[in-house]
Amino acid sequence: MSSSTTPQAGSSTKRSTSGTRRPISRPTTPLRPSSRSSLRESGKASLGGASDAPIEAFEPAFAELSDSMADLEANFMHLQLMHESLARFSENFASFLYGLNMNAFCVDFPEAPIPDSFRRAREQEEQHGRPRIVNSDFTC
């Protein structure tokens, strides 16, 4: 029995060792070292070979990128303030409209005209011979 147990233990050890060599999540792209010759060539081409470090050739571009990112951040801050102001206005205006709607349900307007009032006014105008003014919204 011990001889049958030993190969299984050995095979399981091989599996566990091979499992530890492989990482669980592998990057999709291999990591490659940066090419030093390309940095040297770009440094020589842009500054005529006078720079001490080739990476200094990228300094103006990174400075411009940094300034642009600062401008972008400022613009987004202004946009955020505008969004907050509009959201606050919308909430307040919605509350105002809701208050008007509730007021219409709760308050009775006894002096408000009804359709019969408009009909009587039209009949009175016709009896007195006044010219009628026709508007696109209603007839006076």
Protein backbone atom coordinates (compact mmCIF):
# COMPACT_ATOMS: atom_id res chain seq x y z
CA MET A 1 0.00 0.00 0.00
CA SER A 2 2.83 2.34 0.70
CA SER A 3 4.21 1.87 -2.81
CA SER A 4 0.89 2.91 -4.37
CA THR A 5 0.70 5.94 -2.07
CA THR A 6 4.20 7.15 -2.87
CA PRO A 7 3.71 7.69 -6.65
CA GLN A 8 0.49 9.56 -6.03
CA ALA A 9 2.21 11.83 -3.56
CA GLY A 10 5.03 12.39 -6.06
CA SER A 11 2.62 13.19 -8.87
CA SER A 12 0.68 15.61 -6.71
CA THR A 13 3.95 17.33 -5.77
CA LYS A 14 4.82 17.75 -9.41
CA ARG A 15 1.43 19.27 -10.07
CA SER A 16 1.70 21.68 -7.18
CA THR A 17 5.22 22.72 -8.23
CA SER A 18 4.15 23.30 -11.79
CA GLY A 19 1.15 25.24 -10.48
CA THR A 20 3.37 27.55 -8.42
CA ARG A 21 5.61 28.37 -11.40
CA ARG A 22 2.72 29.80 -13.37
CA PRO A 23 1.17 32.99 -12.05
CA ILE A 24 -2.58 32.95 -11.60
CA SER A 25 -3.21 36.07 -13.67
CA ARG A 26 -0.79 36.66 -16.50
CA PRO A 27 -0.37 39.97 -18.30
CA THR A 28 -1.67 39.96 -21.84
CA THR A 29 1.36 41.82 -23.15
CA PRO A 30 4.92 40.87 -22.18
CA LEU A 31 6.88 43.54 -20.35
CA ARG A 32 9.83 44.64 -22.45
CA PRO A 33 12.74 46.82 -21.39
CA SER A 34 12.78 50.28 -22.91
CA SER A 35 15.06 50.76 -25.85
CA ARG A 36 17.99 52.96 -24.90
CA SER A 37 19.02 53.52 -28.49
CA SER A 38 15.66 55.09 -29.34
CA LEU A 39 16.06 57.54 -26.45
CA ARG A 40 19.58 58.40 -27.59
CA GLU A 41 18.41 58.94 -31.16
CA SER A 42 15.49 61.15 -30.12
CA GLY A 43 17.78 63.16 -27.83
CA LYS A 44 20.35 63.71 -30.58
CA ALA A 45 17.74 64.58 -33.17
CA SER A 46 15.89 67.13 -31.06
CA LEU A 47 18.77 68.86 -29.27
CA GLY A 48 21.67 68.20 -31.59
CA GLY A 49 23.30 65.83 -29.10
CA ALA A 50 24.01 68.55 -26.52
CA SER A 51 21.85 67.12 -23.73
CA ASP A 52 23.28 65.09 -20.86
CA ALA A 53 20.30 62.73 -20.61
CA PRO A 54 18.17 61.76 -23.62
CA ILE A 55 15.01 61.92 -21.54
CA GLU A 56 15.43 65.70 -21.28
CA ALA A 57 14.25 65.93 -24.88
CA PHE A 58 10.74 65.16 -23.63
CA GLU A 59 10.72 67.87 -20.96
CA PRO A 60 8.96 70.56 -23.06
CA ALA A 61 6.29 68.09 -24.17
CA PHE A 62 5.66 66.96 -20.60
CA ALA A 63 5.54 70.57 -19.40
CA GLU A 64 2.91 71.33 -22.04
CA LEU A 65 1.00 68.18 -21.07
CA SER A 66 1.12 69.19 -17.42
CA ASP A 67 -0.22 72.68 -18.22
CA SER A 68 -2.98 71.20 -20.37
CA MET A 69 -3.96 68.79 -17.62
CA ALA A 70 -4.12 71.67 -15.12
CA ASP A 71 -6.39 73.58 -17.53
CA LEU A 72 -8.55 70.47 -17.98
CA GLU A 73 -8.87 70.06 -14.23
CA ALA A 74 -9.89 73.72 -13.84
CA ASN A 75 -12.49 73.34 -16.60
CA PHE A 76 -13.92 70.25 -14.94
CA MET A 77 -14.09 72.09 -11.62
CA HIS A 78 -16.09 74.88 -13.32
CA LEU A 79 -18.29 72.25 -14.96
CA GLN A 80 -18.89 70.63 -11.57
CA LEU A 81 -19.91 73.99 -10.07
CA MET A 82 -22.28 74.60 -12.99
CA HIS A 83 -23.78 71.13 -12.53
CA GLU A 84 -24.34 71.73 -8.82
CA SER A 85 -25.97 75.11 -9.50
CA LEU A 86 -28.29 73.64 -12.13
CA ALA A 87 -29.19 70.72 -9.87
CA ARG A 88 -29.98 73.11 -7.01
CA PHE A 89 -32.10 75.32 -9.30
CA SER A 90 -33.96 72.32 -10.71
CA GLU A 91 -34.75 71.02 -7.26
CA ASN A 92 -35.99 74.41 -6.06
CA PHE A 93 -38.05 75.03 -9.20
CA ALA A 94 -39.61 71.56 -8.94
CA SER A 95 -40.56 72.37 -5.34
CA PHE A 96 -42.14 75.63 -6.49
CA LEU A 97 -44.18 73.85 -9.19
CA TYR A 98 -45.24 71.20 -6.70
CA GLY A 99 -46.36 73.94 -4.31
CA LEU A 100 -48.42 75.60 -7.06
CA ASN A 101 -50.01 72.25 -7.89
CA MET A 102 -50.88 71.57 -4.26
CA ASN A 103 -52.22 75.13 -3.95
CA ALA A 104 -54.55 74.51 -6.90
CA PHE A 105 -55.93 71.40 -5.17
CA CYS A 106 -56.33 73.00 -1.76
CA VAL A 107 -57.56 76.51 -2.57
CA ASP A 108 -60.95 77.23 -4.10
CA PHE A 109 -61.15 80.17 -6.52
CA PRO A 110 -64.80 81.27 -6.47
CA GLU A 111 -64.19 84.28 -8.71
CA ALA A 112 -62.52 82.31 -11.46
CA PRO A 113 -64.50 82.32 -14.73
CA ILE A 114 -66.27 79.19 -15.87
CA PRO A 115 -67.19 78.31 -19.47
CA ASP A 116 -70.65 79.84 -18.96
CA SER A 117 -69.02 83.17 -18.07
CA PHE A 118 -67.31 83.32 -21.47
CA ARG A 119 -70.55 82.38 -23.24
CA ARG A 120 -72.50 85.13 -21.41
CA ALA A 121 -69.79 87.72 -22.20
CA ARG A 122 -69.96 86.79 -25.88
CA GLU A 123 -73.75 87.12 -25.91
CA GLN A 124 -73.56 90.54 -24.22
CA GLU A 125 -71.08 91.79 -26.81
CA GLU A 126 -73.32 90.65 -29.63
CA GLN A 127 -76.35 92.37 -28.09
CA HIS A 128 -74.54 95.70 -27.64
CA GLY A 129 -73.07 95.58 -31.13
CA ARG A 130 -69.44 95.85 -30.13
CA PRO A 131 -66.88 94.44 -32.59
CA ARG A 132 -65.45 91.14 -31.54
CA ILE A 133 -61.68 90.79 -31.29
CA VAL A 134 -60.49 87.37 -32.30
CA ASN A 135 -57.28 86.14 -30.72
CA SER A 136 -55.51 82.88 -31.46
CA ASP A 137 -55.89 81.77 -27.82
CA PHE A 138 -59.47 82.73 -27.08
CA THR A 139 -62.33 84.89 -28.33
CA CYS A 140 -63.11 88.14 -26.54
